[in-house]
Structures are given as structure tokens and as C-alpha cells.
PDB file of all heavy atoms in Angstrom:
ATOM      1  N   ARG A   1      -3.352   9.169  -3.588  1.00  0.00           N
ATOM      2  CA  ARG A   1      -3.127  10.040  -2.441  1.00  0.00           C
ATOM      3  C   ARG A   1      -4.368  10.052  -1.570  1.00  0.00           C
ATOM      4  O   ARG A   1      -5.492  10.126  -2.078  1.00  0.00           O
ATOM      5  CB  ARG A   1      -2.790  11.451  -2.906  1.00  0.00           C
ATOM      6  CG  ARG A   1      -2.465  12.406  -1.759  1.00  0.00           C
ATOM      7  CD  ARG A   1      -1.828  13.675  -2.253  1.00  0.00           C
ATOM      8  NE  ARG A   1      -2.789  14.673  -2.728  1.00  0.00           N
ATOM      9  CZ  ARG A   1      -2.889  15.075  -3.973  1.00  0.00           C
ATOM     10  NH1 ARG A   1      -2.119  14.547  -4.920  1.00  0.00           N
ATOM     11  NH2 ARG A   1      -3.767  15.991  -4.326  1.00  0.00           N
ATOM     12  N   CYS A   2      -4.164   9.992  -0.263  1.00  0.00           N
ATOM     13  CA  CYS A   2      -5.286  10.033   0.675  1.00  0.00           C
ATOM     14  C   CYS A   2      -5.535  11.481   1.085  1.00  0.00           C
ATOM     15  O   CYS A   2      -4.625  12.167   1.551  1.00  0.00           O
ATOM     16  CB  CYS A   2      -4.990   9.182   1.906  1.00  0.00           C
ATOM     17  SG  CYS A   2      -6.320   9.206   3.139  1.00  0.00           S
ATOM     18  N   LEU A   3      -6.745  11.933   0.924  1.00  0.00           N
ATOM     19  CA  LEU A   3      -7.106  13.297   1.318  1.00  0.00           C
ATOM     20  C   LEU A   3      -7.168  13.432   2.832  1.00  0.00           C
ATOM     21  O   LEU A   3      -7.125  14.538   3.366  1.00  0.00           O
ATOM     22  CB  LEU A   3      -8.454  13.678   0.708  1.00  0.00           C
ATOM     23  CG  LEU A   3      -8.483  13.758  -0.825  1.00  0.00           C
ATOM     24  CD1 LEU A   3      -9.913  13.962  -1.315  1.00  0.00           C
ATOM     25  CD2 LEU A   3      -7.580  14.862  -1.323  1.00  0.00           C
ATOM     26  N   GLY A   4      -7.253  12.304   3.518  1.00  0.00           N
ATOM     27  CA  GLY A   4      -7.326  12.336   4.976  1.00  0.00           C
ATOM     28  C   GLY A   4      -5.970  12.478   5.634  1.00  0.00           C
ATOM     29  O   GLY A   4      -5.753  13.382   6.446  1.00  0.00           O
ATOM     30  N   CYS A   5      -5.032  11.601   5.260  1.00  0.00           N
ATOM     31  CA  CYS A   5      -3.721  11.596   5.923  1.00  0.00           C
ATOM     32  C   CYS A   5      -2.590  12.049   5.005  1.00  0.00           C
ATOM     33  O   CYS A   5      -1.437  12.135   5.444  1.00  0.00           O
ATOM     34  CB  CYS A   5      -3.419  10.217   6.498  1.00  0.00           C
ATOM     35  SG  CYS A   5      -3.214   8.919   5.252  1.00  0.00           S
ATOM     36  N   GLU A   6      -2.892  12.329   3.734  1.00  0.00           N
ATOM     37  CA  GLU A   6      -1.928  12.846   2.758  1.00  0.00           C
ATOM     38  C   GLU A   6      -0.853  11.841   2.362  1.00  0.00           C
ATOM     39  O   GLU A   6       0.132  12.216   1.709  1.00  0.00           O
ATOM     40  CB  GLU A   6      -1.250  14.129   3.272  1.00  0.00           C
ATOM     41  CG  GLU A   6      -2.194  15.316   3.387  1.00  0.00           C
ATOM     42  CD  GLU A   6      -2.773  15.736   2.034  1.00  0.00           C
ATOM     43  OE1 GLU A   6      -2.052  15.693   1.033  1.00  0.00           O
ATOM     44  OE2 GLU A   6      -3.957  16.101   1.999  1.00  0.00           O
ATOM     45  N   GLN A   7      -1.009  10.580   2.722  1.00  0.00           N
ATOM     46  CA  GLN A   7      -0.039   9.565   2.305  1.00  0.00           C
ATOM     47  C   GLN A   7      -0.169   9.293   0.803  1.00  0.00           C
ATOM     48  O   GLN A   7      -1.275   9.199   0.270  1.00  0.00           O
ATOM     49  CB  GLN A   7      -0.250   8.262   3.087  1.00  0.00           C
ATOM     50  CG  GLN A   7       0.187   8.323   4.541  1.00  0.00           C
ATOM     51  CD  GLN A   7       1.705   8.377   4.693  1.00  0.00           C
ATOM     52  OE1 GLN A   7       2.445   7.959   3.815  1.00  0.00           O
ATOM     53  NE2 GLN A   7       2.159   8.897   5.830  1.00  0.00           N
ATOM     54  N   ILE A   8       0.973   9.157   0.151  1.00  0.00           N
ATOM     55  CA  ILE A   8       1.028   8.844  -1.280  1.00  0.00           C
ATOM     56  C   ILE A   8       1.611   7.447  -1.437  1.00  0.00           C
ATOM     57  O   ILE A   8       2.699   7.162  -0.934  1.00  0.00           O
ATOM     58  CB  ILE A   8       1.895   9.868  -2.035  1.00  0.00           C
ATOM     59  CG1 ILE A   8       1.303  11.271  -1.876  1.00  0.00           C
ATOM     60  CG2 ILE A   8       2.018   9.491  -3.502  1.00  0.00           C
ATOM     61  CD1 ILE A   8       2.232  12.375  -2.359  1.00  0.00           C
ATOM     62  N   THR A   9       0.882   6.577  -2.111  1.00  0.00           N
ATOM     63  CA  THR A   9       1.298   5.186  -2.238  1.00  0.00           C
ATOM     64  C   THR A   9       1.066   4.693  -3.662  1.00  0.00           C
ATOM     65  O   THR A   9       0.311   5.283  -4.430  1.00  0.00           O
ATOM     66  CB  THR A   9       0.523   4.277  -1.263  1.00  0.00           C
ATOM     67  OG1 THR A   9      -0.884   4.527  -1.413  1.00  0.00           O
ATOM     68  CG2 THR A   9       0.917   4.547   0.182  1.00  0.00           C
ATOM     69  N   ALA A  10       1.718   3.592  -3.993  1.00  0.00           N
ATOM     70  CA  ALA A  10       1.583   3.006  -5.323  1.00  0.00           C
ATOM     71  C   ALA A  10       0.209   2.368  -5.486  1.00  0.00           C
ATOM     72  O   ALA A  10      -0.403   1.891  -4.521  1.00  0.00           O
ATOM     73  CB  ALA A  10       2.668   1.954  -5.534  1.00  0.00           C
ATOM     74  N   VAL A  11      -0.278   2.365  -6.729  1.00  0.00           N
ATOM     75  CA  VAL A  11      -1.551   1.711  -7.030  1.00  0.00           C
ATOM     76  C   VAL A  11      -1.507   1.142  -8.445  1.00  0.00           C
ATOM     77  O   VAL A  11      -1.051   1.810  -9.376  1.00  0.00           O
ATOM     78  CB  VAL A  11      -2.747   2.682  -6.872  1.00  0.00           C
ATOM     79  CG1 VAL A  11      -2.624   3.866  -7.825  1.00  0.00           C
ATOM     80  CG2 VAL A  11      -4.063   1.955  -7.092  1.00  0.00           C
ATOM     81  N   THR A  12      -1.925  -0.089  -8.573  1.00  0.00           N
ATOM     82  CA  THR A  12      -2.053  -0.722  -9.886  1.00  0.00           C
ATOM     83  C   THR A  12      -3.467  -1.230 -10.121  1.00  0.00           C
ATOM     84  O   THR A  12      -3.859  -1.472 -11.257  1.00  0.00           O
ATOM     85  CB  THR A  12      -1.061  -1.893 -10.051  1.00  0.00           C
ATOM     86  OG1 THR A  12      -1.236  -2.813  -8.965  1.00  0.00           O
ATOM     87  CG2 THR A  12       0.381  -1.387 -10.057  1.00  0.00           C
ATOM     88  N   ASP A  13      -4.234  -1.405  -9.046  1.00  0.00           N
ATOM     89  CA  ASP A  13      -5.616  -1.864  -9.162  1.00  0.00           C
ATOM     90  C   ASP A  13      -6.560  -0.675  -9.325  1.00  0.00           C
ATOM     91  O   ASP A  13      -6.159   0.484  -9.211  1.00  0.00           O
ATOM     92  CB  ASP A  13      -6.017  -2.667  -7.917  1.00  0.00           C
ATOM     93  CG  ASP A  13      -5.192  -3.935  -7.755  1.00  0.00           C
ATOM     94  OD1 ASP A  13      -4.822  -4.522  -8.799  1.00  0.00           O
ATOM     95  OD2 ASP A  13      -4.904  -4.316  -6.613  1.00  0.00           O
ATOM     96  N   ASP A  14      -7.830  -0.973  -9.548  1.00  0.00           N
ATOM     97  CA  ASP A  14      -8.837   0.080  -9.657  1.00  0.00           C
ATOM     98  C   ASP A  14      -9.070   0.752  -8.304  1.00  0.00           C
ATOM     99  O   ASP A  14      -8.945   0.118  -7.251  1.00  0.00           O
ATOM    100  CB  ASP A  14     -10.167  -0.510 -10.135  1.00  0.00           C
ATOM    101  CG  ASP A  14     -10.138  -0.893 -11.610  1.00  0.00           C
ATOM    102  OD1 ASP A  14      -9.113  -0.619 -12.275  1.00  0.00           O
ATOM    103  OD2 ASP A  14     -11.129  -1.468 -12.085  1.00  0.00           O
ATOM    104  N   LEU A  15      -9.409   2.027  -8.337  1.00  0.00           N
ATOM    105  CA  LEU A  15      -9.825   2.763  -7.149  1.00  0.00           C
ATOM    106  C   LEU A  15     -11.319   3.043  -7.243  1.00  0.00           C
ATOM    107  O   LEU A  15     -11.884   3.126  -8.332  1.00  0.00           O
ATOM    108  CB  LEU A  15      -9.076   4.097  -7.040  1.00  0.00           C
ATOM    109  CG  LEU A  15      -7.583   4.050  -6.726  1.00  0.00           C
ATOM    110  CD1 LEU A  15      -6.995   5.457  -6.771  1.00  0.00           C
ATOM    111  CD2 LEU A  15      -7.332   3.400  -5.382  1.00  0.00           C
ATOM    112  N   SER A  16     -11.956   3.200  -6.084  1.00  0.00           N
ATOM    113  CA  SER A  16     -13.378   3.553  -6.034  1.00  0.00           C
ATOM    114  C   SER A  16     -13.637   4.316  -4.751  1.00  0.00           C
ATOM    115  O   SER A  16     -12.738   4.474  -3.905  1.00  0.00           O
ATOM    116  CB  SER A  16     -14.250   2.289  -6.076  1.00  0.00           C
ATOM    117  OG  SER A  16     -14.201   1.595  -4.836  1.00  0.00           O
ATOM    118  N   VAL A  17     -14.858   4.785  -4.579  1.00  0.00           N
ATOM    119  CA  VAL A  17     -15.205   5.497  -3.344  1.00  0.00           C
ATOM    120  C   VAL A  17     -15.178   4.554  -2.153  1.00  0.00           C
ATOM    121  O   VAL A  17     -15.134   5.012  -1.001  1.00  0.00           O
ATOM    122  CB  VAL A  17     -16.591   6.167  -3.474  1.00  0.00           C
ATOM    123  CG1 VAL A  17     -16.542   7.317  -4.462  1.00  0.00           C
ATOM    124  CG2 VAL A  17     -17.661   5.149  -3.870  1.00  0.00           C
ATOM    125  N   GLU A  18     -15.204   3.251  -2.401  1.00  0.00           N
ATOM    126  CA  GLU A  18     -15.136   2.279  -1.303  1.00  0.00           C
ATOM    127  C   GLU A  18     -13.710   1.890  -0.929  1.00  0.00           C
ATOM    128  O   GLU A  18     -13.497   1.190   0.062  1.00  0.00           O
ATOM    129  CB  GLU A  18     -15.916   1.006  -1.676  1.00  0.00           C
ATOM    130  CG  GLU A  18     -17.431   1.133  -1.625  1.00  0.00           C
ATOM    131  CD  GLU A  18     -17.974   1.770  -2.901  1.00  0.00           C
ATOM    132  OE1 GLU A  18     -17.360   1.564  -3.979  1.00  0.00           O
ATOM    133  OE2 GLU A  18     -18.991   2.481  -2.824  1.00  0.00           O
ATOM    134  N   SER A  19     -12.728   2.329  -1.708  1.00  0.00           N
ATOM    135  CA  SER A  19     -11.337   1.969  -1.428  1.00  0.00           C
ATOM    136  C   SER A  19     -10.906   2.504  -0.070  1.00  0.00           C
ATOM    137  O   SER A  19     -11.259   3.624   0.312  1.00  0.00           O
ATOM    138  CB  SER A  19     -10.417   2.533  -2.512  1.00  0.00           C
ATOM    139  OG  SER A  19     -10.705   1.964  -3.773  1.00  0.00           O
ATOM    140  N   VAL A  20     -10.147   1.695   0.651  1.00  0.00           N
ATOM    141  CA  VAL A  20      -9.730   2.024   2.016  1.00  0.00           C
ATOM    142  C   VAL A  20      -8.252   2.401   2.036  1.00  0.00           C
ATOM    143  O   VAL A  20      -7.414   1.712   1.462  1.00  0.00           O
ATOM    144  CB  VAL A  20      -9.965   0.834   2.969  1.00  0.00           C
ATOM    145  CG1 VAL A  20      -9.502   1.176   4.395  1.00  0.00           C
ATOM    146  CG2 VAL A  20     -11.436   0.431   2.967  1.00  0.00           C
ATOM    147  N   CYS A  21      -7.938   3.496   2.707  1.00  0.00           N
ATOM    148  CA  CYS A  21      -6.542   3.907   2.872  1.00  0.00           C
ATOM    149  C   CYS A  21      -5.850   2.958   3.837  1.00  0.00           C
ATOM    150  O   CYS A  21      -6.331   2.752   4.961  1.00  0.00           O
ATOM    151  CB  CYS A  21      -6.471   5.337   3.401  1.00  0.00           C
ATOM    152  SG  CYS A  21      -4.780   5.880   3.793  1.00  0.00           S
ATOM    153  N   GLU A  22      -4.738   2.385   3.440  1.00  0.00           N
ATOM    154  CA  GLU A  22      -4.035   1.432   4.294  1.00  0.00           C
ATOM    155  C   GLU A  22      -3.333   2.089   5.473  1.00  0.00           C
ATOM    156  O   GLU A  22      -2.865   1.401   6.380  1.00  0.00           O
ATOM    157  CB  GLU A  22      -3.030   0.610   3.489  1.00  0.00           C
ATOM    158  CG  GLU A  22      -1.972   1.400   2.755  1.00  0.00           C
ATOM    159  CD  GLU A  22      -2.312   1.623   1.285  1.00  0.00           C
ATOM    160  OE1 GLU A  22      -3.424   2.077   0.989  1.00  0.00           O
ATOM    161  OE2 GLU A  22      -1.434   1.354   0.443  1.00  0.00           O
ATOM    162  N   TYR A  23      -3.270   3.437   5.476  1.00  0.00           N
ATOM    163  CA  TYR A  23      -2.618   4.134   6.576  1.00  0.00           C
ATOM    164  C   TYR A  23      -3.608   4.608   7.638  1.00  0.00           C
ATOM    165  O   TYR A  23      -3.380   4.435   8.834  1.00  0.00           O
ATOM    166  CB  TYR A  23      -1.804   5.324   6.053  1.00  0.00           C
ATOM    167  CG  TYR A  23      -0.501   4.905   5.421  1.00  0.00           C
ATOM    168  CD1 TYR A  23      -0.431   4.590   4.073  1.00  0.00           C
ATOM    169  CD2 TYR A  23       0.664   4.798   6.176  1.00  0.00           C
ATOM    170  CE1 TYR A  23       0.760   4.194   3.489  1.00  0.00           C
ATOM    171  CE2 TYR A  23       1.868   4.409   5.601  1.00  0.00           C
ATOM    172  CZ  TYR A  23       1.897   4.104   4.262  1.00  0.00           C
ATOM    173  OH  TYR A  23       3.077   3.703   3.689  1.00  0.00           O
ATOM    174  N   CYS A  24      -4.703   5.253   7.216  1.00  0.00           N
ATOM    175  CA  CYS A  24      -5.639   5.804   8.199  1.00  0.00           C
ATOM    176  C   CYS A  24      -6.985   5.079   8.207  1.00  0.00           C
ATOM    177  O   CYS A  24      -7.880   5.447   8.983  1.00  0.00           O
ATOM    178  CB  CYS A  24      -5.839   7.295   7.973  1.00  0.00           C
ATOM    179  SG  CYS A  24      -6.650   7.712   6.410  1.00  0.00           S
ATOM    180  N   ASN A  25      -7.129   4.075   7.339  1.00  0.00           N
ATOM    181  CA  ASN A  25      -8.334   3.235   7.281  1.00  0.00           C
ATOM    182  C   ASN A  25      -9.609   3.993   6.910  1.00  0.00           C
ATOM    183  O   ASN A  25     -10.716   3.486   7.129  1.00  0.00           O
ATOM    184  CB  ASN A  25      -8.552   2.500   8.621  1.00  0.00           C
ATOM    185  CG  ASN A  25      -7.459   1.496   8.905  1.00  0.00           C
ATOM    186  OD1 ASN A  25      -7.054   0.754   8.020  1.00  0.00           O
ATOM    187  ND2 ASN A  25      -6.958   1.494  10.138  1.00  0.00           N
ATOM    188  N   SER A  26      -9.458   5.182   6.349  1.00  0.00           N
ATOM    189  CA  SER A  26     -10.647   5.924   5.940  1.00  0.00           C
ATOM    190  C   SER A  26     -11.106   5.452   4.557  1.00  0.00           C
ATOM    191  O   SER A  26     -10.334   4.914   3.768  1.00  0.00           O
ATOM    192  CB  SER A  26     -10.359   7.423   5.906  1.00  0.00           C
ATOM    193  OG  SER A  26      -9.323   7.706   4.964  1.00  0.00           O
ATOM    194  N   THR A  27     -12.394   5.672   4.265  1.00  0.00           N
ATOM    195  CA  THR A  27     -12.925   5.374   2.945  1.00  0.00           C
ATOM    196  C   THR A  27     -13.347   6.686   2.277  1.00  0.00           C
ATOM    197  O   THR A  27     -13.480   7.716   2.934  1.00  0.00           O
ATOM    198  CB  THR A  27     -14.135   4.436   3.031  1.00  0.00           C
ATOM    199  OG1 THR A  27     -15.128   5.030   3.873  1.00  0.00           O
ATOM    200  CG2 THR A  27     -13.738   3.080   3.584  1.00  0.00           C
ATOM    201  N   ALA A  28     -13.539   6.620   0.971  1.00  0.00           N
ATOM    202  CA  ALA A  28     -13.959   7.784   0.172  1.00  0.00           C
ATOM    203  C   ALA A  28     -12.966   8.940   0.269  1.00  0.00           C
ATOM    204  O   ALA A  28     -13.331  10.096   0.051  1.00  0.00           O
ATOM    205  CB  ALA A  28     -15.350   8.249   0.590  1.00  0.00           C
ATOM    206  N   GLN A  29     -11.701   8.634   0.595  1.00  0.00           N
ATOM    207  CA  GLN A  29     -10.676   9.673   0.727  1.00  0.00           C
ATOM    208  C   GLN A  29      -9.540   9.518  -0.279  1.00  0.00           C
ATOM    209  O   GLN A  29      -8.713  10.415  -0.416  1.00  0.00           O
ATOM    210  CB  GLN A  29     -10.091   9.663   2.149  1.00  0.00           C
ATOM    211  CG  GLN A  29     -11.065  10.081   3.245  1.00  0.00           C
ATOM    212  CD  GLN A  29     -11.417  11.550   3.143  1.00  0.00           C
ATOM    213  OE1 GLN A  29     -10.551  12.415   3.112  1.00  0.00           O
ATOM    214  NE2 GLN A  29     -12.702  11.850   3.062  1.00  0.00           N
ATOM    215  N   LEU A  30      -9.499   8.407  -0.977  1.00  0.00           N
ATOM    216  CA  LEU A  30      -8.409   8.167  -1.912  1.00  0.00           C
ATOM    217  C   LEU A  30      -8.723   8.781  -3.279  1.00  0.00           C
ATOM    218  O   LEU A  30      -9.844   8.675  -3.777  1.00  0.00           O
ATOM    219  CB  LEU A  30      -8.168   6.665  -2.069  1.00  0.00           C
ATOM    220  CG  LEU A  30      -7.594   5.951  -0.847  1.00  0.00           C
ATOM    221  CD1 LEU A  30      -7.511   4.463  -1.097  1.00  0.00           C
ATOM    222  CD2 LEU A  30      -6.216   6.502  -0.478  1.00  0.00           C
ATOM    223  N   ARG A  31      -7.724   9.418  -3.870  1.00  0.00           N
ATOM    224  CA  ARG A  31      -7.870  10.021  -5.188  1.00  0.00           C
ATOM    225  C   ARG A  31      -6.617   9.713  -6.005  1.00  0.00           C
ATOM    226  O   ARG A  31      -5.557   9.417  -5.433  1.00  0.00           O
ATOM    227  CB  ARG A  31      -8.057  11.529  -5.102  1.00  0.00           C
ATOM    228  CG  ARG A  31      -6.940  12.262  -4.379  1.00  0.00           C
ATOM    229  CD  ARG A  31      -6.934  13.753  -4.663  1.00  0.00           C
ATOM    230  NE  ARG A  31      -6.287  14.062  -5.950  1.00  0.00           N
ATOM    231  CZ  ARG A  31      -6.119  15.287  -6.426  1.00  0.00           C
ATOM    232  NH1 ARG A  31      -6.547  16.332  -5.736  1.00  0.00           N
ATOM    233  NH2 ARG A  31      -5.530  15.497  -7.581  1.00  0.00           N
ATOM    234  N   PRO A  32      -6.712   9.780  -7.315  1.00  0.00           N
ATOM    235  CA  PRO A  32      -5.496   9.620  -8.124  1.00  0.00           C
ATOM    236  C   PRO A  32      -4.486  10.718  -7.773  1.00  0.00           C
ATOM    237  O   PRO A  32      -4.866  11.855  -7.506  1.00  0.00           O
ATOM    238  CB  PRO A  32      -6.007   9.779  -9.564  1.00  0.00           C
ATOM    239  CG  PRO A  32      -7.473   9.486  -9.490  1.00  0.00           C
ATOM    240  CD  PRO A  32      -7.916   9.970  -8.151  1.00  0.00           C
ATOM    241  N   HIS A  33      -3.207  10.357  -7.773  1.00  0.00           N
ATOM    242  CA  HIS A  33      -2.151  11.340  -7.483  1.00  0.00           C
ATOM    243  C   HIS A  33      -1.822  12.101  -8.763  1.00  0.00           C
ATOM    244  O   HIS A  33      -0.743  11.995  -9.341  1.00  0.00           O
ATOM    245  CB  HIS A  33      -0.916  10.637  -6.933  1.00  0.00           C
ATOM    246  CG  HIS A  33       0.171  11.579  -6.502  1.00  0.00           C
ATOM    247  ND1 HIS A  33      -0.068  12.674  -5.709  1.00  0.00           N
ATOM    248  CD2 HIS A  33       1.511  11.596  -6.764  1.00  0.00           C
ATOM    249  CE1 HIS A  33       1.065  13.325  -5.496  1.00  0.00           C
ATOM    250  NE2 HIS A  33       2.029  12.690  -6.134  1.00  0.00           N
ATOM    251  N   ILE A  34      -2.804  12.865  -9.219  1.00  0.00           N
ATOM    252  CA  ILE A  34      -2.729  13.615 -10.459  1.00  0.00           C
ATOM    253  C   ILE A  34      -2.959  15.090 -10.153  1.00  0.00           C
ATOM    254  O   ILE A  34      -3.824  15.431  -9.344  1.00  0.00           O
ATOM    255  CB  ILE A  34      -3.810  13.144 -11.467  1.00  0.00           C
ATOM    256  CG1 ILE A  34      -3.726  11.635 -11.702  1.00  0.00           C
ATOM    257  CG2 ILE A  34      -3.688  13.917 -12.777  1.00  0.00           C
ATOM    258  CD1 ILE A  34      -2.457  11.169 -12.343  1.00  0.00           C
ATOM    259  N   VAL A  35      -2.180  15.951 -10.786  1.00  0.00           N
ATOM    260  CA  VAL A  35      -2.398  17.387 -10.654  1.00  0.00           C
ATOM    261  C   VAL A  35      -3.495  17.795 -11.615  1.00  0.00           C
ATOM    262  O   VAL A  35      -3.342  17.678 -12.834  1.00  0.00           O
ATOM    263  CB  VAL A  35      -1.111  18.180 -10.950  1.00  0.00           C
ATOM    264  CG1 VAL A  35      -1.385  19.686 -10.908  1.00  0.00           C
ATOM    265  CG2 VAL A  35      -0.024  17.815  -9.944  1.00  0.00           C
ATOM    266  N   TRP A  36      -4.616  18.239 -11.066  1.00  0.00           N
ATOM    267  CA  TRP A  36      -5.757  18.641 -11.884  1.00  0.00           C
ATOM    268  C   TRP A  36      -5.727  20.146 -12.139  1.00  0.00           C
ATOM    269  O   TRP A  36      -4.963  20.889 -11.514  1.00  0.00           O
ATOM    270  CB  TRP A  36      -7.053  18.243 -11.172  1.00  0.00           C
ATOM    271  CG  TRP A  36      -7.303  16.764 -11.172  1.00  0.00           C
ATOM    272  CD1 TRP A  36      -6.967  15.873 -12.145  1.00  0.00           C
ATOM    273  CD2 TRP A  36      -7.948  15.997 -10.140  1.00  0.00           C
ATOM    274  NE1 TRP A  36      -7.373  14.604 -11.789  1.00  0.00           N
ATOM    275  CE2 TRP A  36      -7.977  14.653 -10.570  1.00  0.00           C
ATOM    276  CE3 TRP A  36      -8.522  16.321  -8.904  1.00  0.00           C
ATOM    277  CZ2 TRP A  36      -8.549  13.637  -9.811  1.00  0.00           C
ATOM    278  CZ3 TRP A  36      -9.089  15.311  -8.147  1.00  0.00           C
ATOM    279  CH2 TRP A  36      -9.100  13.982  -8.590  1.00  0.00           C
ATOM    280  N   PHE A  37      -6.579  20.595 -13.044  1.00  0.00           N
ATOM    281  CA  PHE A  37      -6.680  22.025 -13.334  1.00  0.00           C
ATOM    282  C   PHE A  37      -7.059  22.777 -12.056  1.00  0.00           C
ATOM    283  O   PHE A  37      -7.948  22.368 -11.320  1.00  0.00           O
ATOM    284  CB  PHE A  37      -7.715  22.271 -14.435  1.00  0.00           C
ATOM    285  CG  PHE A  37      -7.224  21.874 -15.795  1.00  0.00           C
ATOM    286  CD1 PHE A  37      -7.495  20.622 -16.312  1.00  0.00           C
ATOM    287  CD2 PHE A  37      -6.454  22.754 -16.548  1.00  0.00           C
ATOM    288  CE1 PHE A  37      -7.032  20.239 -17.567  1.00  0.00           C
ATOM    289  CE2 PHE A  37      -5.976  22.389 -17.801  1.00  0.00           C
ATOM    290  CZ  PHE A  37      -6.266  21.128 -18.308  1.00  0.00           C
ATOM    291  N   GLY A  38      -6.333  23.867 -11.813  1.00  0.00           N
ATOM    292  CA  GLY A  38      -6.554  24.644 -10.608  1.00  0.00           C
ATOM    293  C   GLY A  38      -5.644  24.254  -9.465  1.00  0.00           C
ATOM    294  O   GLY A  38      -5.646  24.919  -8.429  1.00  0.00           O
ATOM    295  N   GLU A  39      -4.841  23.179  -9.654  1.00  0.00           N
ATOM    296  CA  GLU A  39      -3.916  22.735  -8.614  1.00  0.00           C
ATOM    297  C   GLU A  39      -2.475  23.065  -9.014  1.00  0.00           C
ATOM    298  O   GLU A  39      -2.148  23.174 -10.188  1.00  0.00           O
ATOM    299  CB  GLU A  39      -4.073  21.232  -8.375  1.00  0.00           C
ATOM    300  CG  GLU A  39      -5.441  20.841  -7.849  1.00  0.00           C
ATOM    301  CD  GLU A  39      -5.587  19.355  -7.594  1.00  0.00           C
ATOM    302  OE1 GLU A  39      -4.978  18.553  -8.333  1.00  0.00           O
ATOM    303  OE2 GLU A  39      -6.318  18.992  -6.664  1.00  0.00           O
ATOM    304  N   MET A  40      -1.619  23.195  -8.011  1.00  0.00           N
ATOM    305  CA  MET A  40      -0.226  23.560  -8.249  1.00  0.00           C
ATOM    306  C   MET A  40       0.588  22.345  -8.692  1.00  0.00           C
ATOM    307  O   MET A  40       0.532  21.305  -8.045  1.00  0.00           O
ATOM    308  CB  MET A  40       0.386  24.139  -6.959  1.00  0.00           C
ATOM    309  CG  MET A  40       1.841  24.548  -7.101  1.00  0.00           C
ATOM    310  SD  MET A  40       2.071  25.941  -8.241  1.00  0.00           S
ATOM    311  CE  MET A  40       1.260  27.255  -7.318  1.00  0.00           C
ATOM    312  N   PRO A  41       1.342  22.458  -9.791  1.00  0.00           N
ATOM    313  CA  PRO A  41       2.232  21.364 -10.195  1.00  0.00           C
ATOM    314  C   PRO A  41       3.218  21.016  -9.085  1.00  0.00           C
ATOM    315  O   PRO A  41       3.517  21.847  -8.220  1.00  0.00           O
ATOM    316  CB  PRO A  41       2.949  21.930 -11.421  1.00  0.00           C
ATOM    317  CG  PRO A  41       1.978  22.923 -11.980  1.00  0.00           C
ATOM    318  CD  PRO A  41       1.325  23.552 -10.774  1.00  0.00           C
TER     319      PRO A  41
END
């Protein structure tokens, strides 16, 4: 999931802070689409 544009897309490769969002072209904005502690299911 991109924290910048909120797009959710499939991923099979590794992610890093250098990964680029294919929708908004931002970097350091992609995170695993996982519900973490403190977040709403």
C-alpha cells in the first residue's frame, strides 16, 4: 500500500525504502498491506 496515494497493489518481490510507487512515483511511501497493532482491521 502506498501511503502517498493509498493505492493497493500486488507484490511478490522485496520492498525497500527505495521502492517506487507505480501510481504516484513517490519513494519511501510503500509499506506492506498488513494491519499492525493500533490499526483497524
